[in-house]
Amino acid sequence: MSIKLIALDMDGTLLNSENQVSERNKEAIKKARAQGVEVVLSTGRHISTCKPIADELELSSYLITGNGSEIWTTDGQLVDRQTIGLQEIKELIALHKKHKTGMWITSTERIWRNEIPESLEGLLWLKFGFHFEDEVLRDEVWKELEHNYQLELSNSSPTNIEVNATGINKAAALEKICLRLGIALKDVMTAGDSLNDIKMIQAAGIGIAMENAQESVKAAADWVTGHHNDSGVATAIEKWVLQ
């Protein structure tokens, strides 16, 4: 198998606990790119906090942000955008208020954390997040969302639930990028640690889970690499990509 594209989650995967890319990860990515391998960042983050990492790594491919709600080129050109309807956003806010959860809400312009804009109209909404201190409440809200809404549910941590529009996920965005580049998914390696990574891990020819990944992510992966604080991304690239 010859890997032609690597798609990397950021938090808990590429980045360590200090939100930095280790020198070993940087070197492995640089060597992969020198072999002609495309490197794509695939994150739940907003473009504003993803692009600086892409710039630091001198990437020149695509960026998947907001769990697949947007696709960008590394030079800042929007390629694709999929939003959540205004009515769904209003209902998610009502659910947050009902259960008194933490929350954040992402528009194309910015992120609101534990605050709601005065007017929801006139904005394009990408993602809604619930934060929990209580696992029982988290599971209750998940079941309520699953039962009442046709939305894409995932998480980026065991303490949250992330909500995107139906069918919007990192795997769907990755497939669009592969079509643009003429690369088959069997020639892709992906790496991640959370529920928002599972579908892209399952879709790829080689799906990698981090040592620190949630157990369901490890179960979905082809291989488990090292911890994100121990340059696990570099370990995976060295094993599966570098020749």
Foldseek 3Di string as FASTA:
>chain_A
DAAQEEEEEQPFTQADPVSDGDPLLLVLVVLLVVVNHAYEYAYLAACVVVLVVCVVSVHAAWYQYNQQQWIATSVGHTDHHHFDDPVVVVVVVVVCVVLVWWKWWDWNVGIDTSDDDPDPPPTTTFKIKTFAPDLVVVVVVVVVCVVPHQWDWWDQDSGMIMTGHHPGGRLVNVVVRCVVVVHQQLSYEYEGAIRSCLVSQQSHVFREYEPNHDPVSVVSGPYYFYTSNVSRVSVVSVVPHRD
